[in-house]
C-alpha cells in the first residue's frame, strides 16, 4: 500500500493550533522561531493571542482577521504536522494539497524550499487582502449538473462560478455576495442541499480575482522552482504534471488564484495510479478526510488532528500507519 499525504486549505484552522503543535512535537518551537525570523514578526505570539509589549492585545483578538495570517498560519500548521510525522518515521512518496495546501505539497515534493514557500504564501495572502471582495459558499450534497443550473440562474444577480470541485457531490461557489446568497438559497430550496458560507471577503479561485492572479504571477517569476523529487499533482490540472518546468509552476500556480480547483479529479488520478492508496490528511481538522466517503473511494484514510486529545490521537495514528506500511 502507498501512503498519500493530503494537505488542507485555509478553512482548516482554529485558535491555538500552533501552540498545540509545538507541544506535540517540540522541534516545532524552533521551526516557528525560524519562520518568525524569516517574516520579521513574532508568529508564536500572534497566533497564541498574547498581548504585545505595550500590554495591549486589541489587534490579536482574532489572529486570523487578515487573509495573510490565515494563509501563513495554516501553511505552518500543515508543515508542522508533516515534520512530526517524518520525525516518527512516517513518510510518503506521493502527496497533494487543496488550494493553499498545494504550497505544502510543493515543499514536500522538493520543488521549492520551505523558506521560499513561506515567503510566497505571505505574499499571496497580502495580495488576497488587497483584492476585490466577494463571498464563497460550500454546497452539498448536490449533483454537478444541478449546481451548474443553479449557478446559471444566480448569475442574473452578479458574477458567480463553481470554483472547487471537491467530491462528486460537494462543491464551492464564489463570486459577488448577492449572487452567492441567491445560489445558496436556490440549492437549498430546489435541491435540498445544505449551504455554508466559508468566506465573506475573498472570492478565491474566481474570475473576480484575475487582477490578484496577475500580480502574484509576477512574484512567482522571481522564485527558483526546482525539478521535483516526487510527482507534482496540480490543482489546476486535476492530475499529475509530467516533468514540470519553471514555466509550468509559474503558470499553474498563478492560474490557481483565479480559476477552479479540481480536487475531485486529483483524488481520482491518485487512486487510478495507486488503487490501494492510504490517505493521510496532514493538517488541522479533518476536512479532506471527511470528503473521502466510501461511496466515492473506499480507500483507508487517516487524519493527524484531534483537538481534544492531540498527543494520544497522534501516537495512535503513527502506530496505525506503521502497521499499514
Protein backbone atom coordinates (compact mmCIF):
# COMPACT_ATOMS: atom_id res chain seq x y z
CA UNK A 1 0.00 0.00 0.00
CA UNK A 2 1.13 3.56 -0.78
CA UNK A 3 0.78 6.35 1.77
CA UNK A 4 -0.54 9.60 0.32
CA UNK A 5 -0.27 12.89 2.24
CA UNK A 6 -3.12 15.39 1.73
CA UNK A 7 -2.55 19.00 2.81
CA UNK A 8 -5.72 21.01 3.55
CA UNK A 9 -6.57 24.59 2.58
CA UNK A 10 -7.17 27.70 4.60
CA UNK A 11 -10.58 26.73 6.01
CA UNK A 12 -8.74 24.18 8.19
CA UNK A 13 -7.82 26.33 11.18
CA UNK A 14 -8.70 27.15 14.77
CA UNK A 15 -7.19 29.28 17.57
CA UNK A 16 -4.27 27.75 19.43
CA UNK A 17 -3.40 25.17 16.78
CA UNK A 18 0.27 26.23 16.51
CA UNK A 19 0.78 26.14 20.29
CA UNK A 20 -0.68 22.63 20.31
CA UNK A 21 1.66 21.56 17.51
CA UNK A 22 4.67 22.85 19.42
CA UNK A 23 3.60 20.72 22.39
CA UNK A 24 3.01 17.72 20.15
CA UNK A 25 6.45 17.95 18.53
CA UNK A 26 8.93 20.19 20.45
CA UNK A 27 11.13 20.72 17.38
CA UNK A 28 8.29 22.83 16.01
CA UNK A 29 9.26 25.54 18.52
CA UNK A 30 12.44 26.06 16.51
CA UNK A 31 10.57 25.97 13.23
CA UNK A 32 8.16 28.65 14.43
CA UNK A 33 11.10 30.76 15.63
CA UNK A 34 12.79 30.41 12.24
CA UNK A 35 9.57 31.33 10.44
CA UNK A 36 9.26 34.41 12.67
CA UNK A 37 12.77 35.48 11.73
CA UNK A 38 12.05 34.93 8.03
CA UNK A 39 8.91 37.09 8.11
CA UNK A 40 10.18 39.61 10.66
CA UNK A 41 7.40 39.23 13.23
CA UNK A 42 6.65 37.12 16.30
CA UNK A 43 4.36 34.45 14.88
CA UNK A 44 4.10 32.46 18.11
CA UNK A 45 2.79 35.46 19.99
CA UNK A 46 0.48 36.49 17.16
CA UNK A 47 -1.23 33.10 16.81
CA UNK A 48 -1.43 32.50 20.56
CA UNK A 49 -3.16 35.86 21.06
CA UNK A 50 -0.69 37.13 23.63
CA UNK A 51 -0.55 40.92 24.25
CA UNK A 52 2.19 42.99 22.66
CA UNK A 53 4.92 44.85 24.56
CA UNK A 54 2.50 47.65 25.44
CA UNK A 55 0.22 45.19 27.16
CA UNK A 56 -2.49 45.61 24.55
CA UNK A 57 -3.93 42.69 22.64
CA UNK A 58 -6.61 44.57 20.73
CA UNK A 59 -5.09 43.62 17.39
CA UNK A 60 -4.68 39.99 18.44
CA UNK A 61 -8.25 39.14 19.45
CA UNK A 62 -8.64 37.32 16.13
CA UNK A 63 -5.27 36.04 14.88
CA UNK A 64 -6.96 35.14 11.57
CA UNK A 65 -8.56 38.52 10.90
CA UNK A 66 -6.38 39.09 7.83
CA UNK A 67 -6.17 36.60 5.00
CA UNK A 68 -2.37 36.76 5.08
CA UNK A 69 -2.48 35.47 8.65
CA UNK A 70 -4.89 32.70 7.68
CA UNK A 71 -2.59 31.53 4.89
CA UNK A 72 0.64 31.74 6.87
CA UNK A 73 -0.95 30.04 9.90
CA UNK A 74 -2.43 27.10 8.00
CA UNK A 75 0.71 26.64 5.89
CA UNK A 76 2.79 26.49 9.08
CA UNK A 77 0.39 24.09 10.81
CA UNK A 78 0.41 21.72 7.82
CA UNK A 79 4.21 21.78 7.71
CA UNK A 80 4.46 21.19 11.46
CA UNK A 81 2.31 18.08 11.16
CA UNK A 82 4.49 16.92 8.27
CA UNK A 83 7.65 17.37 10.35
CA UNK A 84 6.09 15.49 13.27
CA UNK A 85 5.10 12.56 11.03
CA UNK A 86 8.50 12.34 9.38
CA UNK A 87 10.26 12.54 12.75
CA UNK A 88 8.33 9.40 13.69
CA UNK A 89 9.32 7.61 10.50
CA UNK A 90 6.09 8.16 8.59
CA UNK A 91 6.81 9.25 5.03
CA UNK A 92 5.00 9.40 1.72
CA UNK A 93 6.25 9.33 -1.85
CA UNK A 94 3.06 10.92 -3.14
CA UNK A 95 1.13 13.94 -1.88
CA UNK A 96 -1.31 16.61 -2.99
CA UNK A 97 -2.74 19.76 -1.50
CA UNK A 98 -6.09 21.56 -1.70
CA UNK A 99 -5.84 25.25 -2.63
CA UNK A 100 -3.39 26.78 -0.11
CA UNK A 101 -2.32 23.22 0.76
CA UNK A 102 -0.74 22.93 -2.68
CA UNK A 103 2.09 25.07 -1.31
CA UNK A 104 2.80 22.43 1.34
CA UNK A 105 2.70 19.88 -1.47
CA UNK A 106 5.22 21.97 -3.42
CA UNK A 107 7.59 21.86 -0.43
CA UNK A 108 7.02 18.13 0.16
CA UNK A 109 7.91 17.20 -3.42
CA UNK A 110 11.08 19.31 -3.31
CA UNK A 111 10.11 21.91 -5.92
CA UNK A 112 10.73 24.81 -3.53
CA UNK A 113 12.43 25.07 -0.12
CA UNK A 114 10.37 25.90 2.95
CA UNK A 115 11.69 29.45 3.35
CA UNK A 116 10.83 30.47 -0.22
CA UNK A 117 7.41 28.84 0.02
CA UNK A 118 6.66 30.60 3.32
CA UNK A 119 7.50 33.99 1.84
CA UNK A 120 5.41 33.17 -1.24
CA UNK A 121 2.43 32.24 0.94
CA UNK A 122 2.80 35.52 2.84
CA UNK A 123 2.89 37.47 -0.43
CA UNK A 124 -0.11 35.51 -1.68
CA UNK A 125 -2.08 36.42 1.44
CA UNK A 126 -1.12 40.10 1.26
CA UNK A 127 -2.31 40.25 -2.34
CA UNK A 128 -5.56 38.49 -1.42
CA UNK A 129 -6.19 41.11 1.27
CA UNK A 130 -5.78 43.82 -1.37
CA UNK A 131 -8.01 42.11 -3.93
CA UNK A 132 -11.69 42.55 -4.88
CA UNK A 133 -14.26 41.49 -2.30
CA UNK A 134 -16.72 38.62 -2.60
CA UNK A 135 -18.19 35.54 -0.94
CA UNK A 136 -17.60 31.80 -1.05
CA UNK A 137 -20.02 29.05 -0.01
CA UNK A 138 -19.78 25.27 0.20
CA UNK A 139 -22.77 23.39 -1.26
CA UNK A 140 -23.62 19.73 -0.60
CA UNK A 141 -24.97 17.22 -1.42
CA UNK A 142 -25.80 18.18 -4.98
CA UNK A 143 -25.12 16.80 -8.45
CA UNK A 144 -22.77 18.84 -10.61
CA UNK A 145 -25.30 19.39 -13.40
CA UNK A 146 -27.88 20.62 -10.88
CA UNK A 147 -25.41 23.08 -9.39
CA UNK A 148 -24.50 24.32 -12.87
CA UNK A 149 -28.17 25.18 -13.43
CA UNK A 150 -28.31 26.94 -10.06
CA UNK A 151 -25.22 29.00 -10.85
CA UNK A 152 -26.60 29.95 -14.25
CA UNK A 153 -29.79 31.25 -12.62
CA UNK A 154 -27.89 33.07 -9.88
CA UNK A 155 -25.63 34.78 -12.42
CA UNK A 156 -28.52 37.18 -13.01
CA UNK A 157 -27.60 38.68 -9.61
CA UNK A 158 -23.88 39.06 -10.32
CA UNK A 159 -20.66 37.18 -11.03
CA UNK A 160 -20.72 33.62 -9.65
CA UNK A 161 -18.81 30.45 -10.52
CA UNK A 162 -18.14 26.93 -9.28
CA UNK A 163 -14.58 27.25 -8.01
CA UNK A 164 -13.92 23.99 -6.13
CA UNK A 165 -14.86 20.53 -7.38
CA UNK A 166 -14.18 18.78 -4.07
CA UNK A 167 -16.06 15.48 -4.41
CA UNK A 168 -18.81 14.06 -6.62
CA UNK A 169 -21.44 15.92 -4.56
CA UNK A 170 -19.56 18.68 -2.72
CA UNK A 171 -18.60 21.96 -4.34
CA UNK A 172 -17.65 25.53 -3.52
CA UNK A 173 -19.11 28.54 -5.31
CA UNK A 174 -17.63 32.04 -5.28
CA UNK A 175 -18.45 35.47 -6.63
CA UNK A 176 -20.39 38.58 -5.76
CA UNK A 177 -22.30 38.41 -2.48
CA UNK A 178 -25.81 38.78 -3.91
CA UNK A 179 -25.24 36.02 -6.46
CA UNK A 180 -23.71 33.62 -3.92
CA UNK A 181 -26.55 34.20 -1.47
CA UNK A 182 -29.15 33.58 -4.18
CA UNK A 183 -27.41 30.43 -5.41
CA UNK A 184 -27.28 29.04 -1.88
CA UNK A 185 -31.00 29.73 -1.49
CA UNK A 186 -31.82 28.03 -4.80
CA UNK A 187 -29.70 24.99 -3.95
CA UNK A 188 -31.44 24.60 -0.61
CA UNK A 189 -34.99 25.11 -1.85
CA UNK A 190 -34.83 23.31 -5.20
CA UNK A 191 -32.32 20.52 -4.48
CA UNK A 192 -32.47 20.16 -0.68
CA UNK A 193 -28.74 20.84 -0.47
CA UNK A 194 -27.00 22.38 2.50
CA UNK A 195 -25.02 25.58 2.09
CA UNK A 196 -22.38 27.11 4.33
CA UNK A 197 -20.71 30.45 3.76
CA UNK A 198 -16.99 29.84 4.25
CA UNK A 199 -15.64 33.25 3.23
CA UNK A 200 -17.13 36.76 3.29
CA UNK A 201 -14.17 38.71 1.95
CA UNK A 202 -12.05 36.78 -0.53
CA UNK A 203 -13.64 35.16 -3.64
CA UNK A 204 -10.75 32.77 -4.22
CA UNK A 205 -10.36 30.84 -7.48
CA UNK A 206 -12.98 33.00 -9.22
CA UNK A 207 -12.51 35.28 -12.22
CA UNK A 208 -13.05 38.26 -9.91
CA UNK A 209 -9.55 37.56 -8.63
CA UNK A 210 -7.88 37.87 -12.05
CA UNK A 211 -6.04 41.09 -11.06
CA UNK A 212 -4.66 39.30 -7.98
CA UNK A 213 -3.52 36.38 -10.14
CA UNK A 214 -1.69 38.77 -12.45
CA UNK A 215 0.20 40.39 -9.57
CA UNK A 216 1.00 37.06 -7.93
CA UNK A 217 2.26 35.61 -11.23
CA UNK A 218 4.78 38.46 -11.39
CA UNK A 219 6.00 37.41 -7.94
CA UNK A 220 6.14 33.73 -8.93
CA UNK A 221 8.53 34.65 -11.71
CA UNK A 222 11.07 35.71 -9.07
CA UNK A 223 11.14 32.23 -7.47
CA UNK A 224 13.56 29.48 -8.38
CA UNK A 225 11.47 26.32 -8.81
CA UNK A 226 13.44 23.08 -9.00
CA UNK A 227 12.71 19.80 -10.73
CA UNK A 228 10.72 17.99 -8.02
CA UNK A 229 11.91 14.79 -6.37
CA UNK A 230 8.33 13.49 -6.22
CA UNK A 231 5.37 13.85 -8.61
CA UNK A 232 3.52 17.18 -8.77
CA UNK A 233 -0.25 16.92 -8.74
CA UNK A 234 -1.54 20.36 -9.71
CA UNK A 235 -4.97 21.59 -8.58
CA UNK A 236 -5.46 23.34 -11.90
CA UNK A 237 -4.91 20.19 -13.95
CA UNK A 238 -6.63 17.74 -11.65
CA UNK A 239 -3.82 15.33 -12.41
CA UNK A 240 -0.09 14.75 -12.48
CA UNK A 241 2.20 17.15 -14.34
CA UNK A 242 4.99 15.23 -16.01
CA UNK A 243 8.49 16.77 -15.90
CA UNK A 244 7.27 20.23 -14.81
CA UNK A 245 9.36 23.25 -15.71
CA UNK A 246 9.75 26.67 -14.12
CA UNK A 247 7.19 27.96 -16.61
CA UNK A 248 4.71 25.24 -15.61
CA UNK A 249 4.93 26.15 -11.92
CA UNK A 250 4.52 29.85 -12.62
CA UNK A 251 1.60 29.35 -15.00
CA UNK A 252 -0.41 26.86 -12.96
CA UNK A 253 0.18 28.40 -9.53
CA UNK A 254 -0.72 31.77 -10.99
CA UNK A 255 -3.91 30.49 -12.64
CA UNK A 256 -4.73 28.74 -9.37
CA UNK A 257 -5.61 32.13 -7.85
CA UNK A 258 -8.48 32.93 -10.23
CA UNK A 259 -9.54 29.62 -11.78
CA UNK A 260 -11.21 26.48 -10.38
CA UNK A 261 -9.59 23.83 -8.21
CA UNK A 262 -10.10 20.24 -9.37
CA UNK A 263 -9.67 18.31 -6.13
CA UNK A 264 -12.09 15.52 -7.02
CA UNK A 265 -10.24 14.87 -10.26
CA UNK A 266 -6.91 14.97 -8.40
CA UNK A 267 -8.02 12.29 -5.94
CA UNK A 268 -9.35 10.21 -8.83
CA UNK A 269 -5.95 10.49 -10.54
CA UNK A 270 -4.16 9.27 -7.40
CA UNK A 271 -6.47 6.28 -6.98
CA UNK A 272 -6.10 5.42 -10.67
CA UNK A 273 -2.33 5.31 -10.20
CA UNK A 274 -2.38 3.72 -6.73
CA UNK A 275 -5.62 1.74 -6.24
CA UNK A 276 -4.60 0.68 -2.70
CA UNK A 277 -3.61 4.21 -1.64
CA UNK A 278 -3.85 5.07 2.06
CA UNK A 279 -4.73 8.75 2.50
CA UNK A 280 -3.49 10.82 5.46
CA UNK A 281 -4.72 14.36 5.99
CA UNK A 282 -1.68 16.31 7.19
CA UNK A 283 -3.04 19.42 8.85
CA UNK A 284 -5.65 20.83 11.23
CA UNK A 285 -9.20 19.47 11.40
CA UNK A 286 -10.47 16.74 9.05
CA UNK A 287 -11.97 18.45 6.01
CA UNK A 288 -10.23 16.33 3.37
CA UNK A 289 -10.56 13.16 5.44
CA UNK A 290 -14.33 13.68 5.62
CA UNK A 291 -14.68 14.32 1.89
CA UNK A 292 -13.39 10.80 1.16
CA UNK A 293 -16.59 8.90 1.86
CA UNK A 294 -16.93 5.27 0.86
CA UNK A 295 -19.45 5.99 -1.92
CA UNK A 296 -16.65 7.82 -3.73
CA UNK A 297 -13.48 5.88 -2.85
CA UNK A 298 -13.26 3.16 -0.22
CA UNK A 299 -9.53 3.61 0.42
CA UNK A 300 -8.29 3.68 4.00
CA UNK A 301 -7.94 7.19 5.41
CA UNK A 302 -6.46 8.85 8.48
CA UNK A 303 -6.28 12.34 9.96
CA UNK A 304 -3.47 13.86 12.00
CA UNK A 305 -5.51 16.29 14.09
CA UNK A 306 -7.63 15.82 17.20
CA UNK A 307 -8.48 18.98 19.12
CA UNK A 308 -9.37 17.17 22.33
CA UNK A 309 -6.64 14.51 22.62
CA UNK A 310 -3.86 15.58 20.26
CA UNK A 311 -0.99 13.55 21.71
CA UNK A 312 -2.93 10.34 22.22
CA UNK A 313 -4.51 10.56 18.76
CA UNK A 314 -1.20 11.27 17.04
CA UNK A 315 0.52 8.34 18.77
CA UNK A 316 -2.30 6.07 17.64
CA UNK A 317 -2.06 7.41 14.10
CA UNK A 318 1.68 6.75 13.90
CA UNK A 319 1.19 3.22 15.21
CA UNK A 320 -1.59 2.58 12.73
CA UNK A 321 0.40 3.87 9.78
CA UNK A 322 3.38 1.75 10.73
CA UNK A 323 1.13 -1.31 10.68
CA UNK A 324 -0.26 -0.31 7.29
CA UNK A 325 3.25 0.21 5.92
